[in-house]
Amino acid sequence: MARMFTEIDGRIRKPRDHAGFRGTLRYVSLTVHSRAERTPRDDLIAWFYSMIELINGKLPWSNLIAAKDIEEAKRNETFENLCKDQPNISLEFAKVKN
């Protein structure tokens, strides 16, 4: 599923205009929702959403099914709010979103 982000000679690959969708709607970043090129940052965001779900038992969009509804819920949520009841989760990590 992953795409090499460097060429054989070490140069960074140019991002694709349309990267397609890979992942689970509940966990993917907004970048993936928009079909833009993914980076390791998007993997961290997916991991973060997974951890929040494990800790809280659900995500604010867990009951949603449609991709556009899940994307909208993510756009309206902040990492800070997702972490508000979890003092052990560093808000420094949450800044990866910005």
N, C-alpha and C. Protein backbone atom coordinates (compact mmCIF):
# COMPACT_ATOMS: atom_id res chain seq x y z
N MET A 1 0.81 -1.19 0.00
CA MET A 1 0.00 0.00 0.00
C MET A 1 0.86 1.26 0.00
N ALA A 2 2.03 1.18 0.57
CA ALA A 2 2.87 2.37 0.66
C ALA A 2 3.56 2.65 -0.67
N ARG A 3 3.81 3.90 -0.92
CA ARG A 3 4.52 4.32 -2.13
C ARG A 3 5.87 4.86 -1.69
N MET A 4 6.91 4.47 -2.38
CA MET A 4 8.24 5.01 -2.08
C MET A 4 8.20 6.52 -2.31
N PHE A 5 8.72 7.27 -1.36
CA PHE A 5 8.68 8.72 -1.54
C PHE A 5 10.02 9.28 -1.99
N THR A 6 10.97 8.39 -2.28
CA THR A 6 12.23 8.84 -2.88
C THR A 6 12.48 8.02 -4.15
N GLU A 7 13.21 8.64 -5.05
CA GLU A 7 13.65 7.94 -6.25
C GLU A 7 14.84 7.06 -5.88
N ILE A 8 15.26 6.21 -6.79
CA ILE A 8 16.40 5.34 -6.53
C ILE A 8 17.65 6.14 -6.17
N ASP A 9 17.80 7.31 -6.77
CA ASP A 9 18.99 8.14 -6.51
C ASP A 9 18.85 8.99 -5.24
N GLY A 10 17.73 8.84 -4.50
CA GLY A 10 17.57 9.56 -3.24
C GLY A 10 16.75 10.84 -3.33
N ARG A 11 16.47 11.30 -4.55
CA ARG A 11 15.66 12.51 -4.69
C ARG A 11 14.23 12.24 -4.23
N ILE A 12 13.62 13.26 -3.64
CA ILE A 12 12.22 13.15 -3.21
C ILE A 12 11.32 13.12 -4.44
N ARG A 13 10.41 12.17 -4.49
CA ARG A 13 9.47 12.08 -5.60
C ARG A 13 8.50 13.25 -5.57
N LYS A 14 8.11 13.69 -6.73
CA LYS A 14 7.09 14.74 -6.82
C LYS A 14 5.74 14.13 -6.44
N PRO A 15 4.93 14.88 -5.69
CA PRO A 15 3.63 14.34 -5.32
C PRO A 15 2.71 14.18 -6.52
N ARG A 16 1.89 13.17 -6.45
CA ARG A 16 0.89 12.94 -7.50
C ARG A 16 -0.24 13.94 -7.35
N ASP A 17 -0.91 14.26 -8.44
CA ASP A 17 -2.07 15.15 -8.38
C ASP A 17 -3.26 14.46 -7.72
N HIS A 18 -3.38 13.16 -7.94
CA HIS A 18 -4.48 12.38 -7.37
C HIS A 18 -3.90 11.05 -6.91
N ALA A 19 -3.94 10.80 -5.60
CA ALA A 19 -3.30 9.61 -5.06
C ALA A 19 -4.26 8.45 -4.84
N GLY A 20 -5.54 8.64 -5.04
CA GLY A 20 -6.48 7.56 -4.77
C GLY A 20 -6.70 7.39 -3.27
N PHE A 21 -7.54 6.44 -2.90
CA PHE A 21 -7.84 6.24 -1.48
C PHE A 21 -7.31 4.90 -1.01
N ARG A 22 -6.58 4.92 0.09
CA ARG A 22 -6.10 3.70 0.73
C ARG A 22 -6.25 3.91 2.23
N GLY A 23 -6.90 2.99 2.89
CA GLY A 23 -7.02 3.09 4.33
C GLY A 23 -8.44 2.84 4.81
N THR A 24 -8.63 3.04 6.10
CA THR A 24 -9.93 2.86 6.75
C THR A 24 -10.50 4.24 7.05
N LEU A 25 -11.69 4.51 6.58
CA LEU A 25 -12.29 5.85 6.71
C LEU A 25 -12.18 6.41 8.12
N ARG A 26 -12.38 5.58 9.12
CA ARG A 26 -12.39 6.04 10.50
C ARG A 26 -11.05 6.65 10.92
N TYR A 27 -9.96 6.15 10.35
CA TYR A 27 -8.63 6.54 10.83
C TYR A 27 -7.82 7.43 9.90
N VAL A 28 -8.15 7.49 8.64
CA VAL A 28 -7.30 8.24 7.70
C VAL A 28 -7.34 9.74 7.97
N SER A 29 -6.27 10.40 7.56
CA SER A 29 -6.16 11.85 7.72
C SER A 29 -7.02 12.57 6.68
N LEU A 30 -7.19 13.85 6.89
CA LEU A 30 -7.92 14.66 5.91
C LEU A 30 -7.20 14.69 4.56
N THR A 31 -5.89 14.57 4.58
CA THR A 31 -5.12 14.50 3.34
C THR A 31 -5.56 13.32 2.50
N VAL A 32 -5.75 12.18 3.14
CA VAL A 32 -6.18 10.98 2.43
C VAL A 32 -7.62 11.14 1.95
N HIS A 33 -8.47 11.74 2.77
CA HIS A 33 -9.85 12.00 2.33
C HIS A 33 -9.86 12.83 1.05
N SER A 34 -8.94 13.79 0.94
CA SER A 34 -8.91 14.67 -0.23
C SER A 34 -8.16 14.06 -1.41
N ARG A 35 -7.69 12.84 -1.25
CA ARG A 35 -6.96 12.09 -2.31
C ARG A 35 -5.64 12.74 -2.69
N ALA A 36 -5.07 13.52 -1.78
CA ALA A 36 -3.75 14.11 -2.02
C ALA A 36 -2.67 13.08 -1.67
N GLU A 37 -1.46 13.37 -2.06
CA GLU A 37 -0.34 12.47 -1.78
C GLU A 37 -0.15 12.30 -0.28
N ARG A 38 -0.01 11.06 0.14
CA ARG A 38 0.20 10.76 1.55
C ARG A 38 1.67 10.88 1.91
N THR A 39 1.90 11.19 3.19
CA THR A 39 3.26 11.26 3.73
C THR A 39 3.27 10.51 5.05
N PRO A 40 4.45 10.33 5.64
CA PRO A 40 4.50 9.69 6.97
C PRO A 40 3.65 10.42 8.01
N ARG A 41 3.45 11.71 7.84
CA ARG A 41 2.60 12.49 8.75
C ARG A 41 1.19 11.91 8.79
N ASP A 42 0.69 11.46 7.66
CA ASP A 42 -0.65 10.88 7.60
C ASP A 42 -0.72 9.56 8.37
N ASP A 43 0.37 8.81 8.37
CA ASP A 43 0.43 7.59 9.17
C ASP A 43 0.35 7.92 10.66
N LEU A 44 1.02 8.99 11.07
CA LEU A 44 0.96 9.41 12.47
C LEU A 44 -0.45 9.84 12.87
N ILE A 45 -1.13 10.52 11.99
CA ILE A 45 -2.51 10.93 12.28
C ILE A 45 -3.41 9.71 12.42
N ALA A 46 -3.25 8.73 11.53
CA ALA A 46 -4.05 7.50 11.62
C ALA A 46 -3.75 6.78 12.94
N TRP A 47 -2.48 6.73 13.31
CA TRP A 47 -2.10 6.11 14.59
C TRP A 47 -2.75 6.86 15.75
N PHE A 48 -2.72 8.18 15.70
CA PHE A 48 -3.31 9.01 16.75
C PHE A 48 -4.80 8.71 16.89
N TYR A 49 -5.53 8.68 15.78
CA TYR A 49 -6.96 8.38 15.84
C TYR A 49 -7.19 6.98 16.43
N SER A 50 -6.34 6.03 16.06
CA SER A 50 -6.46 4.67 16.61
C SER A 50 -6.27 4.66 18.12
N MET A 51 -5.27 5.40 18.59
CA MET A 51 -5.00 5.46 20.03
C MET A 51 -6.15 6.13 20.79
N ILE A 52 -6.68 7.19 20.23
CA ILE A 52 -7.81 7.87 20.87
C ILE A 52 -9.00 6.91 20.97
N GLU A 53 -9.23 6.15 19.91
CA GLU A 53 -10.34 5.20 19.94
C GLU A 53 -10.10 4.10 20.98
N LEU A 54 -8.88 3.61 21.07
CA LEU A 54 -8.57 2.59 22.08
C LEU A 54 -8.76 3.12 23.49
N ILE A 55 -8.36 4.35 23.72
CA ILE A 55 -8.44 4.95 25.06
C ILE A 55 -9.88 5.33 25.41
N ASN A 56 -10.57 5.99 24.49
CA ASN A 56 -11.92 6.50 24.77
C ASN A 56 -13.03 5.51 24.44
N GLY A 57 -12.70 4.50 23.67
CA GLY A 57 -13.72 3.54 23.26
C GLY A 57 -14.44 3.89 21.97
N LYS A 58 -14.24 5.13 21.51
CA LYS A 58 -14.86 5.55 20.25
C LYS A 58 -14.25 6.88 19.81
N LEU A 59 -14.53 7.22 18.58
CA LEU A 59 -14.18 8.52 18.01
C LEU A 59 -15.48 9.28 17.79
N PRO A 60 -15.43 10.60 17.72
CA PRO A 60 -16.67 11.36 17.51
C PRO A 60 -17.43 10.95 16.24
N TRP A 61 -16.75 10.37 15.27
CA TRP A 61 -17.38 9.98 14.01
C TRP A 61 -17.58 8.47 13.91
N SER A 62 -17.44 7.76 15.02
CA SER A 62 -17.57 6.29 14.99
C SER A 62 -18.93 5.81 14.49
N ASN A 63 -19.98 6.58 14.73
CA ASN A 63 -21.32 6.16 14.32
C ASN A 63 -21.67 6.59 12.89
N LEU A 64 -20.76 7.27 12.22
CA LEU A 64 -21.02 7.73 10.86
C LEU A 64 -20.55 6.69 9.85
N ILE A 65 -21.20 6.64 8.70
CA ILE A 65 -20.86 5.65 7.68
C ILE A 65 -20.35 6.31 6.40
N ALA A 66 -21.00 7.36 5.96
CA ALA A 66 -20.65 8.00 4.68
C ALA A 66 -19.31 8.72 4.78
N ALA A 67 -18.48 8.55 3.77
CA ALA A 67 -17.15 9.17 3.75
C ALA A 67 -17.22 10.68 3.93
N LYS A 68 -18.17 11.33 3.26
CA LYS A 68 -18.25 12.79 3.36
C LYS A 68 -18.63 13.23 4.77
N ASP A 69 -19.46 12.44 5.45
CA ASP A 69 -19.85 12.78 6.83
C ASP A 69 -18.68 12.61 7.79
N ILE A 70 -17.90 11.55 7.60
CA ILE A 70 -16.73 11.32 8.44
C ILE A 70 -15.71 12.43 8.22
N GLU A 71 -15.48 12.78 6.96
CA GLU A 71 -14.53 13.86 6.64
C GLU A 71 -14.98 15.17 7.29
N GLU A 72 -16.25 15.48 7.19
CA GLU A 72 -16.77 16.72 7.78
C GLU A 72 -16.60 16.72 9.30
N ALA A 73 -16.87 15.58 9.93
CA ALA A 73 -16.71 15.48 11.38
C ALA A 73 -15.25 15.71 11.78
N LYS A 74 -14.32 15.17 11.00
CA LYS A 74 -12.89 15.38 11.29
C LYS A 74 -12.51 16.85 11.11
N ARG A 75 -13.05 17.49 10.09
CA ARG A 75 -12.76 18.91 9.86
C ARG A 75 -13.26 19.78 11.01
N ASN A 76 -14.33 19.35 11.65
CA ASN A 76 -14.94 20.13 12.73
C ASN A 76 -14.38 19.77 14.11
N GLU A 77 -13.48 18.81 14.18
CA GLU A 77 -12.91 18.37 15.46
C GLU A 77 -11.46 18.84 15.56
N THR A 78 -11.01 19.11 16.76
CA THR A 78 -9.61 19.47 16.96
C THR A 78 -8.91 18.35 17.73
N PHE A 79 -7.61 18.22 17.50
CA PHE A 79 -6.84 17.24 18.25
C PHE A 79 -6.86 17.59 19.73
N GLU A 80 -6.83 18.87 20.02
CA GLU A 80 -6.86 19.30 21.42
C GLU A 80 -8.13 18.81 22.11
N ASN A 81 -9.25 18.89 21.42
CA ASN A 81 -10.51 18.42 22.00
C ASN A 81 -10.50 16.90 22.16
N LEU A 82 -9.95 16.20 21.19
CA LEU A 82 -9.87 14.74 21.30
C LEU A 82 -9.02 14.32 22.50
N CYS A 83 -8.05 15.15 22.87
CA CYS A 83 -7.13 14.84 23.98
C CYS A 83 -7.57 15.40 25.32
N LYS A 84 -8.64 16.16 25.36
CA LYS A 84 -8.96 16.96 26.55
C LYS A 84 -9.10 16.13 27.82
N ASP A 85 -9.58 14.91 27.73
CA ASP A 85 -9.75 14.07 28.92
C ASP A 85 -8.60 13.09 29.12
N GLN A 86 -7.56 13.25 28.33
CA GLN A 86 -6.43 12.32 28.38
C GLN A 86 -5.15 13.07 28.69
N PRO A 87 -4.85 13.30 29.95
CA PRO A 87 -3.67 14.10 30.29
C PRO A 87 -2.35 13.46 29.86
N ASN A 88 -2.35 12.16 29.61
CA ASN A 88 -1.10 11.50 29.23
C ASN A 88 -0.79 11.63 27.74
N ILE A 89 -1.73 12.13 26.98
CA ILE A 89 -1.48 12.32 25.55
C ILE A 89 -0.92 13.72 25.36
N SER A 90 0.25 13.78 24.80
CA SER A 90 0.92 15.06 24.62
C SER A 90 0.27 15.89 23.52
N LEU A 91 -0.06 17.11 23.85
CA LEU A 91 -0.59 18.01 22.82
C LEU A 91 0.49 18.40 21.83
N GLU A 92 1.75 18.20 22.20
CA GLU A 92 2.82 18.45 21.23
C GLU A 92 2.65 17.52 20.04
N PHE A 93 2.30 16.26 20.30
CA PHE A 93 2.07 15.33 19.20
C PHE A 93 0.88 15.80 18.37
N ALA A 94 -0.14 16.29 19.03
CA ALA A 94 -1.34 16.72 18.33
C ALA A 94 -1.04 17.83 17.33
N LYS A 95 0.03 18.57 17.54
CA LYS A 95 0.38 19.66 16.64
C LYS A 95 0.81 19.17 15.26
N VAL A 96 1.03 17.87 15.11
CA VAL A 96 1.42 17.32 13.82
C VAL A 96 0.34 17.61 12.78
N LYS A 97 -0.88 17.79 13.24
CA LYS A 97 -1.98 18.08 12.32
C LYS A 97 -1.79 19.42 11.63
N ASN A 98 -1.22 20.38 12.33
CA ASN A 98 -1.13 21.73 11.78
C ASN A 98 0.07 21.95 10.96
